[in-house]
C-alpha atoms as a PDB file:
ATOM      1  CA  MET A   1     -76.334  47.821-175.181  1.00  0.00           C
ATOM      2  CA  MET A   2     -79.729  49.006-176.342  1.00  0.00           C
ATOM      3  CA  GLN A   3     -80.864  47.830-179.760  1.00  0.00           C
ATOM      4  CA  VAL A   4     -81.579  50.600-182.270  1.00  0.00           C
ATOM      5  CA  GLN A   5     -85.269  51.001-183.084  1.00  0.00           C
ATOM      6  CA  MET A   6     -86.482  53.440-185.710  1.00  0.00           C
ATOM      7  CA  SER A   7     -89.439  54.010-187.945  1.00  0.00           C
ATOM      8  CA  GLU A   8     -89.179  54.349-191.725  1.00  0.00           C
ATOM      9  CA  GLU A   9     -89.185  58.169-191.432  1.00  0.00           C
ATOM     10  CA  GLU A  10     -86.614  58.184-188.616  1.00  0.00           C
ATOM     11  CA  PHE A  11     -84.362  55.884-190.644  1.00  0.00           C
ATOM     12  CA  GLN A  12     -84.339  58.298-193.584  1.00  0.00           C
ATOM     13  CA  GLU A  13     -83.916  61.388-191.394  1.00  0.00           C
ATOM     14  CA  ARG A  14     -81.060  59.812-189.441  1.00  0.00           C
ATOM     15  CA  PHE A  15     -78.875  59.235-192.479  1.00  0.00           C
ATOM     16  CA  ASN A  16     -79.758  62.524-194.147  1.00  0.00           C
ATOM     17  CA  ARG A  17     -78.875  64.390-190.938  1.00  0.00           C
ATOM     18  CA  LEU A  18     -75.604  62.527-190.505  1.00  0.00           C
ATOM     19  CA  LEU A  19     -74.511  63.338-194.031  1.00  0.00           C
ATOM     20  CA  GLN A  20     -75.543  66.990-193.765  1.00  0.00           C
ATOM     21  CA  ASP A  21     -73.816  67.522-190.415  1.00  0.00           C
ATOM     22  CA  ASN A  22     -70.635  65.750-191.437  1.00  0.00           C
ATOM     23  CA  PRO A  23     -70.050  64.699-195.052  1.00  0.00           C
ATOM     24  CA  GLU A  24     -67.337  62.316-193.848  1.00  0.00           C
ATOM     25  CA  THR A  25     -69.680  60.438-191.496  1.00  0.00           C
ATOM     26  CA  PRO A  26     -69.912  56.801-192.613  1.00  0.00           C
ATOM     27  CA  THR A  27     -73.299  55.391-193.581  1.00  0.00           C
ATOM     28  CA  LEU A  28     -74.171  51.722-193.201  1.00  0.00           C
ATOM     29  CA  GLU A  29     -72.568  51.049-196.586  1.00  0.00           C
ATOM     30  CA  SER A  30     -69.179  52.535-195.722  1.00  0.00           C
ATOM     31  CA  ARG A  31     -68.868  50.459-192.547  1.00  0.00           C
ATOM     32  CA  VAL A  32     -67.864  47.492-194.682  1.00  0.00           C
ATOM     33  CA  ILE A  33     -64.129  47.003-195.038  1.00  0.00           C
ATOM     34  CA  ASP A  34     -64.050  43.598-196.620  1.00  0.00           C
ATOM     35  CA  ILE A  35     -66.510  41.004-197.862  1.00  0.00           C
ATOM     36  CA  ASP A  36     -65.281  37.413-197.701  1.00  0.00           C
ATOM     37  CA  ALA A  37     -63.913  36.225-201.020  1.00  0.00           C
ATOM     38  CA  GLU A  38     -65.498  32.782-200.569  1.00  0.00           C
ATOM     39  CA  PRO A  39     -68.692  31.508-198.949  1.00  0.00           C
ATOM     40  CA  ALA A  40     -68.448  30.407-195.337  1.00  0.00           C
ATOM     41  CA  GLU A  41     -67.340  26.840-194.575  1.00  0.00           C
ATOM     42  CA  SER A  42     -66.391  26.187-198.210  1.00  0.00           C
ATOM     43  CA  GLY A  43     -69.953  26.713-199.387  1.00  0.00           C
ATOM     44  CA  SER A  44     -71.765  24.599-196.821  1.00  0.00           C
ATOM     45  CA  LYS A  45     -75.462  25.262-196.241  1.00  0.00           C
ATOM     46  CA  LYS A  46     -77.253  26.144-193.019  1.00  0.00           C
ATOM     47  CA  THR A  47     -80.516  27.743-191.992  1.00  0.00           C
ATOM     48  CA  GLN A  48     -80.485  31.379-190.944  1.00  0.00           C
ATOM     49  CA  ASP A  49     -80.473  30.391-187.253  1.00  0.00           C
ATOM     50  CA  GLY A  50     -77.729  27.889-187.987  1.00  0.00           C
ATOM     51  CA  TRP A  51     -75.575  30.613-189.501  1.00  0.00           C
ATOM     52  CA  VAL A  52     -76.346  32.986-186.624  1.00  0.00           C
ATOM     53  CA  THR A  53     -74.959  30.366-184.225  1.00  0.00           C
ATOM     54  CA  TYR A  54     -71.952  29.733-186.457  1.00  0.00           C
ATOM     55  CA  TRP A  55     -70.997  33.388-186.873  1.00  0.00           C
ATOM     56  CA  ASN A  56     -71.540  34.172-183.205  1.00  0.00           C
ATOM     57  CA  GLY A  57     -68.793  31.633-182.565  1.00  0.00           C
ATOM     58  CA  VAL A  58     -66.324  33.323-184.925  1.00  0.00           C
ATOM     59  CA  ASN A  59     -63.824  35.623-183.213  1.00  0.00           C
ATOM     60  CA  ASP A  60     -61.664  36.910-186.069  1.00  0.00           C
ATOM     61  CA  GLY A  61     -63.570  40.149-186.618  1.00  0.00           C
ATOM     62  CA  CYS A  62     -65.990  38.817-189.216  1.00  0.00           C
ATOM     63  CA  VAL A  63     -69.767  38.858-188.744  1.00  0.00           C
ATOM     64  CA  PHE A  64     -72.678  37.273-190.572  1.00  0.00           C
ATOM     65  CA  ALA A  65     -73.406  39.662-193.448  1.00  0.00           C
ATOM     66  CA  SER A  66     -76.714  41.490-193.400  1.00  0.00           C
ATOM     67  CA  ILE A  67     -78.326  42.739-196.606  1.00  0.00           C
ATOM     68  CA  PRO A  68     -76.946  46.276-195.974  1.00  0.00           C
ATOM     69  CA  ASP A  69     -73.468  44.766-195.519  1.00  0.00           C
ATOM     70  CA  LEU A  70     -73.756  42.862-198.786  1.00  0.00           C
ATOM     71  CA  TYR A  71     -75.107  45.869-200.663  1.00  0.00           C
ATOM     72  CA  ALA A  72     -72.223  47.979-199.350  1.00  0.00           C
ATOM     73  CA  GLY A  73     -69.791  45.275-200.417  1.00  0.00           C
ATOM     74  CA  PHE A  74     -71.329  45.196-203.885  1.00  0.00           C
ATOM     75  CA  LYS A  75     -70.807  48.951-204.202  1.00  0.00           C
ATOM     76  CA  LEU A  76     -67.169  48.613-203.211  1.00  0.00           C
ATOM     77  CA  LEU A  77     -66.645  45.818-205.729  1.00  0.00           C
ATOM     78  CA  LYS A  78     -68.220  47.989-208.424  1.00  0.00           C
ATOM     79  CA  HIS A  79     -65.872  50.827-207.493  1.00  0.00           C
ATOM     80  CA  GLN A  80     -62.892  48.473-207.665  1.00  0.00           C
ATOM     81  CA  ILE A  81     -63.867  47.270-211.126  1.00  0.00           C
ATOM     82  CA  GLU A  82     -64.364  50.826-212.382  1.00  0.00           C
ATOM     83  CA  HIS A  83     -61.419  52.538-210.680  1.00  0.00           C
ATOM     84  CA  GLY A  84     -59.038  49.919-209.308  1.00  0.00           C
ATOM     85  CA  ASN A  85     -55.652  48.840-210.583  1.00  0.00           C
ATOM     86  CA  THR A  86     -55.075  45.551-212.380  1.00  0.00           C
ATOM     87  CA  THR A  87     -54.624  43.573-209.172  1.00  0.00           C
ATOM     88  CA  GLU A  88     -57.691  45.108-207.510  1.00  0.00           C
ATOM     89  CA  LYS A  89     -59.832  44.462-210.567  1.00  0.00           C
ATOM     90  CA  ALA A  90     -58.716  40.835-210.743  1.00  0.00           C
ATOM     91  CA  LEU A  91     -59.573  40.286-207.065  1.00  0.00           C
ATOM     92  CA  ALA A  92     -62.963  41.973-207.483  1.00  0.00           C
ATOM     93  CA  GLU A  93     -63.746  39.839-210.521  1.00  0.00           C
ATOM     94  CA  LYS A  94     -62.938  36.685-208.571  1.00  0.00           C
ATOM     95  CA  ILE A  95     -65.245  37.668-205.695  1.00  0.00           C
ATOM     96  CA  ILE A  96     -68.049  38.626-208.082  1.00  0.00           C
ATOM     97  CA  GLU A  97     -67.794  35.278-209.861  1.00  0.00           C
ATOM     98  CA  SER A  98     -67.933  33.479-206.507  1.00  0.00           C
ATOM     99  CA  LEU A  99     -70.963  35.507-205.363  1.00  0.00           C
ATOM    100  CA  ARG A 100     -72.827  34.681-208.558  1.00  0.00           C
ATOM    101  CA  GLU A 101     -72.184  31.009-207.886  1.00  0.00           C
ATOM    102  CA  ASP A 102     -73.792  31.493-204.465  1.00  0.00           C
ATOM    103  CA  PHE A 103     -76.822  33.168-206.033  1.00  0.00           C
ATOM    104  CA  LYS A 104     -77.292  30.261-208.436  1.00  0.00           C
ATOM    105  CA  GLY A 105     -76.124  27.304-206.418  1.00  0.00           C
ATOM    106  CA  SER A 106     -78.000  27.531-203.162  1.00  0.00           C
ATOM    107  CA  TRP A 107     -79.027  31.158-202.627  1.00  0.00           C
ATOM    108  CA  LEU A 108     -77.098  33.553-200.431  1.00  0.00           C
ATOM    109  CA  ILE A 109     -78.806  34.072-197.093  1.00  0.00           C
ATOM    110  CA  SER A 110     -78.247  37.163-194.962  1.00  0.00           C
ATOM    111  CA  SER A 111     -78.571  37.984-191.280  1.00  0.00           C
ATOM    112  CA  THR A 112     -81.530  40.243-192.103  1.00  0.00           C
ATOM    113  CA  ARG A 113     -84.891  38.948-190.919  1.00  0.00           C
ATOM    114  CA  ILE A 114     -88.367  40.335-191.490  1.00  0.00           C
ATOM    115  CA  ASN A 115     -91.311  39.918-189.141  1.00  0.00           C
ATOM    116  CA  TYR A 116     -94.473  40.378-191.177  1.00  0.00           C
ATOM    117  CA  GLN A 117     -97.871  41.315-189.849  1.00  0.00           C
ATOM    118  CA  THR A 118    -100.264  38.520-190.612  1.00  0.00           C
ATOM    119  CA  THR A 119    -103.085  40.681-191.969  1.00  0.00           C
ATOM    120  CA  GLY A 120    -101.528  43.929-193.190  1.00  0.00           C
ATOM    121  CA  LEU A 121     -98.516  45.519-194.873  1.00  0.00           C
ATOM    122  CA  GLU A 122     -96.718  46.929-191.814  1.00  0.00           C
ATOM    123  CA  SER A 123     -93.652  44.877-190.944  1.00  0.00           C
ATOM    124  CA  GLU A 124     -90.390  44.959-189.022  1.00  0.00           C
ATOM    125  CA  ILE A 125     -86.921  44.630-190.560  1.00  0.00           C
ATOM    126  CA  ILE A 126     -84.107  43.374-188.330  1.00  0.00           C
ATOM    127  CA  HIS A 127     -80.513  43.623-189.546  1.00  0.00           C
ATOM    128  CA  HIS A 128     -77.913  41.383-187.843  1.00  0.00           C
ATOM    129  CA  TYR A 129     -80.642  39.290-186.272  1.00  0.00           C
ATOM    130  CA  ASN A 130     -79.533  37.807-182.914  1.00  0.00           C
ATOM    131  CA  CYS A 131     -75.932  38.967-183.417  1.00  0.00           C
ATOM    132  CA  LYS A 132     -73.798  38.590-180.287  1.00  0.00           C
ATOM    133  CA  ASN A 133     -72.593  42.146-180.863  1.00  0.00           C
ATOM    134  CA  THR A 134     -75.921  43.755-180.018  1.00  0.00           C
ATOM    135  CA  ALA A 135     -74.649  47.174-181.123  1.00  0.00           C
ATOM    136  CA  LEU A 136     -74.977  45.922-184.702  1.00  0.00           C
ATOM    137  CA  ILE A 137     -78.618  44.874-184.368  1.00  0.00           C
ATOM    138  CA  THR A 138     -80.864  47.412-186.083  1.00  0.00           C
ATOM    139  CA  ARG A 139     -84.651  47.208-185.923  1.00  0.00           C
ATOM    140  CA  ILE A 140     -86.838  49.159-188.349  1.00  0.00           C
ATOM    141  CA  PRO A 141     -90.452  48.710-187.187  1.00  0.00           C
ATOM    142  CA  LYS A 142     -93.726  49.662-188.818  1.00  0.00           C
ATOM    143  CA  ILE A 143     -92.411  49.864-192.354  1.00  0.00           C
ATOM    144  CA  ILE A 144     -94.796  49.237-195.226  1.00  0.00           C
ATOM    145  CA  ILE A 145     -93.774  46.233-197.318  1.00  0.00           C
ATOM    146  CA  LYS A 146     -96.085  45.751-200.253  1.00  0.00           C
ATOM    147  CA  GLU A 147     -96.903  42.433-201.906  1.00  0.00           C
ATOM    148  CA  TYR A 148     -94.449  41.639-204.674  1.00  0.00           C
ATOM    149  CA  CYS A 149     -95.242  38.006-205.349  1.00  0.00           C
ATOM    150  CA  PRO A 150     -93.856  36.123-207.168  1.00  0.00           C
ATOM    151  CA  GLY A 151     -91.631  39.106-208.006  1.00  0.00           C
ATOM    152  CA  LYS A 152     -91.892  42.627-209.409  1.00  0.00           C
ATOM    153  CA  PRO A 153     -89.325  44.385-211.635  1.00  0.00           C
ATOM    154  CA  ILE A 154     -87.107  46.678-209.605  1.00  0.00           C
ATOM    155  CA  ASN A 155     -88.020  49.790-211.603  1.00  0.00           C
ATOM    156  CA  GLU A 156     -91.683  49.398-210.715  1.00  0.00           C
ATOM    157  CA  VAL A 157     -90.842  49.024-207.035  1.00  0.00           C
ATOM    158  CA  LEU A 158     -88.424  51.956-206.900  1.00  0.00           C
ATOM    159  CA  ASN A 159     -90.757  54.270-208.815  1.00  0.00           C
ATOM    160  CA  ASP A 160     -93.260  53.954-205.955  1.00  0.00           C
ATOM    161  CA  LYS A 161     -92.635  56.075-202.839  1.00  0.00           C
ATOM    162  CA  GLN A 162     -93.340  53.243-200.394  1.00  0.00           C
ATOM    163  CA  GLY A 163     -91.416  50.795-202.539  1.00  0.00           C
ATOM    164  CA  LEU A 164     -88.349  53.038-202.531  1.00  0.00           C
ATOM    165  CA  ALA A 165     -88.588  53.568-198.758  1.00  0.00           C
ATOM    166  CA  TYR A 166     -88.738  49.795-198.274  1.00  0.00           C
ATOM    167  CA  MET A 167     -85.716  49.149-200.489  1.00  0.00           C
ATOM    168  CA  GLN A 168     -83.678  51.883-198.790  1.00  0.00           C
ATOM    169  CA  ALA A 169     -84.499  50.436-195.364  1.00  0.00           C
ATOM    170  CA  LEU A 170     -83.779  46.898-196.562  1.00  0.00           C
ATOM    171  CA  LEU A 171     -80.427  47.853-198.106  1.00  0.00           C
ATOM    172  CA  GLY A 172     -79.447  50.309-195.353  1.00  0.00           C
ATOM    173  CA  THR A 173     -78.919  53.164-197.767  1.00  0.00           C
ATOM    174  CA  THR A 174     -80.177  56.546-198.889  1.00  0.00           C
ATOM    175  CA  ASP A 175     -79.208  55.803-202.495  1.00  0.00           C
ATOM    176  CA  ASN A 176     -81.563  56.915-205.237  1.00  0.00           C
ATOM    177  CA  PRO A 177     -83.331  54.428-207.557  1.00  0.00           C
ATOM    178  CA  LYS A 178     -80.674  54.757-210.271  1.00  0.00           C
ATOM    179  CA  THR A 179     -77.803  53.847-207.945  1.00  0.00           C
ATOM    180  CA  ILE A 180     -79.702  50.970-206.331  1.00  0.00           C
ATOM    181  CA  THR A 181     -80.591  49.535-209.733  1.00  0.00           C
ATOM    182  CA  GLU A 182     -77.064  49.932-211.111  1.00  0.00           C
ATOM    183  CA  THR A 183     -75.539  48.260-208.048  1.00  0.00           C
ATOM    184  CA  LEU A 184     -77.832  45.229-208.113  1.00  0.00           C
ATOM    185  CA  THR A 185     -77.601  44.697-211.867  1.00  0.00           C
ATOM    186  CA  PHE A 186     -73.824  45.014-211.632  1.00  0.00           C
ATOM    187  CA  ILE A 187     -73.425  42.318-209.013  1.00  0.00           C
ATOM    188  CA  SER A 188     -75.877  39.886-210.590  1.00  0.00           C
ATOM    189  CA  GLY A 189     -74.988  40.419-214.231  1.00  0.00           C
ATOM    190  CA  LYS A 190     -78.710  40.519-214.989  1.00  0.00           C
ATOM    191  CA  PRO A 191     -80.520  43.407-216.732  1.00  0.00           C
ATOM    192  CA  LYS A 192     -82.888  45.591-214.737  1.00  0.00           C
ATOM    193  CA  GLU A 193     -85.867  43.945-216.447  1.00  0.00           C
ATOM    194  CA  GLN A 194     -84.795  40.661-214.831  1.00  0.00           C
ATOM    195  CA  THR A 195     -83.955  42.156-211.436  1.00  0.00           C
ATOM    196  CA  LEU A 196     -86.958  41.371-209.257  1.00  0.00           C
ATOM    197  CA  ILE A 197     -88.108  42.234-205.748  1.00  0.00           C
ATOM    198  CA  TRP A 198     -89.946  39.398-204.011  1.00  0.00           C
ATOM    199  CA  THR A 199     -92.085  39.553-200.880  1.00  0.00           C
ATOM    200  CA  PRO A 200     -94.729  37.170-199.534  1.00  0.00           C
ATOM    201  CA  PRO A 201     -98.437  37.729-200.167  1.00  0.00           C
ATOM    202  CA  VAL A 202    -100.950  38.790-197.534  1.00  0.00           C
ATOM    203  CA  LYS A 203    -103.797  36.961-199.225  1.00  0.00           C
ATOM    204  CA  THR A 204    -103.579  33.555-200.847  1.00  0.00           C
ATOM    205  CA  VAL A 205    -101.556  33.243-204.039  1.00  0.00           C
ATOM    206  CA  THR A 206    -101.445  29.732-205.453  1.00  0.00           C
ATOM    207  CA  GLY A 207     -98.136  28.058-204.698  1.00  0.00           C
ATOM    208  CA  TYR A 208     -96.890  30.621-202.171  1.00  0.00           C
ATOM    209  CA  LYS A 209     -97.066  30.805-198.371  1.00  0.00           C
ATOM    210  CA  THR A 210     -98.883  33.847-197.016  1.00  0.00           C
ATOM    211  CA  ARG A 211     -97.569  36.130-194.292  1.00  0.00           C
ATOM    212  CA  ALA A 212    -100.029  34.571-191.860  1.00  0.00           C
ATOM    213  CA  GLU A 213     -98.705  31.087-192.639  1.00  0.00           C
ATOM    214  CA  LYS A 214     -95.041  32.089-192.235  1.00  0.00           C
ATOM    215  CA  PRO A 215     -94.698  35.543-190.643  1.00  0.00           C
ATOM    216  CA  CYS A 216     -90.923  35.300-190.043  1.00  0.00           C
ATOM    217  CA  ARG A 217     -88.776  35.347-193.175  1.00  0.00           C
ATOM    218  CA  ALA A 218     -85.102  35.528-194.054  1.00  0.00           C
ATOM    219  CA  VAL A 219     -83.780  37.905-196.707  1.00  0.00           C
ATOM    220  CA  ASP A 220     -81.693  36.257-199.377  1.00  0.00           C
ATOM    221  CA  LEU A 221     -80.380  36.740-202.907  1.00  0.00           C
ATOM    222  CA  LEU A 222     -80.872  34.241-205.699  1.00  0.00           C
ATOM    223  CA  SER A 223     -80.505  33.870-209.419  1.00  0.00           C
ATOM    224  CA  ASN A 224     -82.578  31.501-211.546  1.00  0.00           C
ATOM    225  CA  GLY A 225     -84.165  31.210-214.968  1.00  0.00           C
ATOM    226  CA  VAL A 226     -86.481  34.105-214.200  1.00  0.00           C
ATOM    227  CA  GLY A 227     -83.769  36.544-213.139  1.00  0.00           C
ATOM    228  CA  PHE A 228     -82.036  37.929-210.056  1.00  0.00           C
ATOM    229  CA  LEU A 229     -84.271  38.152-207.000  1.00  0.00           C
ATOM    230  CA  VAL A 230     -83.878  40.254-203.887  1.00  0.00           C
ATOM    231  CA  SER A 231     -86.085  38.054-201.773  1.00  0.00           C
ATOM    232  CA  SER A 232     -87.770  38.883-198.495  1.00  0.00           C
ATOM    233  CA  TYR A 233     -89.826  35.738-198.986  1.00  0.00           C
ATOM    234  CA  GLY A 234     -87.101  33.342-197.850  1.00  0.00           C
ATOM    235  CA  ARG A 235     -87.757  30.542-195.377  1.00  0.00           C
ATOM    236  CA  ILE A 236     -85.739  30.825-192.178  1.00  0.00           C
ATOM    237  CA  ASP A 237     -85.390  27.022-192.204  1.00  0.00           C
ATOM    238  CA  TYR A 238     -84.070  26.741-195.774  1.00  0.00           C
ATOM    239  CA  PRO A 239     -80.353  25.790-195.883  1.00  0.00           C
ATOM    240  CA  SER A 240     -78.317  28.296-197.881  1.00  0.00           C
ATOM    241  CA  ARG A 241     -74.815  29.704-198.131  1.00  0.00           C
ATOM    242  CA  SER A 242     -73.611  32.775-196.230  1.00  0.00           C
ATOM    243  CA  ARG A 243     -70.801  35.322-196.287  1.00  0.00           C
ATOM    244  CA  GLY A 244     -68.857  37.121-193.603  1.00  0.00           C
ATOM    245  CA  VAL A 245     -67.855  40.773-193.617  1.00  0.00           C
ATOM    246  CA  ARG A 246     -65.435  42.869-191.592  1.00  0.00           C
ATOM    247  CA  LEU A 247     -66.892  46.146-190.375  1.00  0.00           C
ATOM    248  CA  LYS A 248     -65.285  49.365-189.197  1.00  0.00           C
END
């Protein structure tokens, strides 16, 4: 099958049009049926390519979770906590606790990869990178990704037009800044002031690799003494945990 390619504007228009034409049409978020309750392989660590190989060998309906898959799963967990019955809430709480251990223990890596330009801000986001089910691979080329290094508070990013467009493309959503912020602070347990967006620098910043030095990056989620980071800075060769999801 052909891989989906779309610009930032086409991405936004596509989802707006789908929702207007048919309010019941699922967005990327609503494709997610179930996020794994535990990290893959009992919490073992692999590089992004290592996990791509692993998940391409799984035949039970699960796939390597992209950032949109995870974000959708977080929204469903939030809904379960707020509206579920006692059993549903208990299950959601268990999964949330496990996810937070991933964020702290080794980072949670996704199947989303970013190819940065070496001298500018235009970049390409790839969800479900190298997935054997090529229908899931989504490419968003020529999107502006500003420098947020070593991390910028989420409110500052979302209050900027290009920052919001980047976060919507990264998360696979048309959600507004309030919903995005509430979802990420819910899953991490961190306040919005400590919820940071992290991207690599174009020009030299002491202690950090530039886009020219490492143009290919993995997108991962981590929690440390600074806060909760949505990181598009991640090394593709850094061993981390992963999760599987089942999609409609």
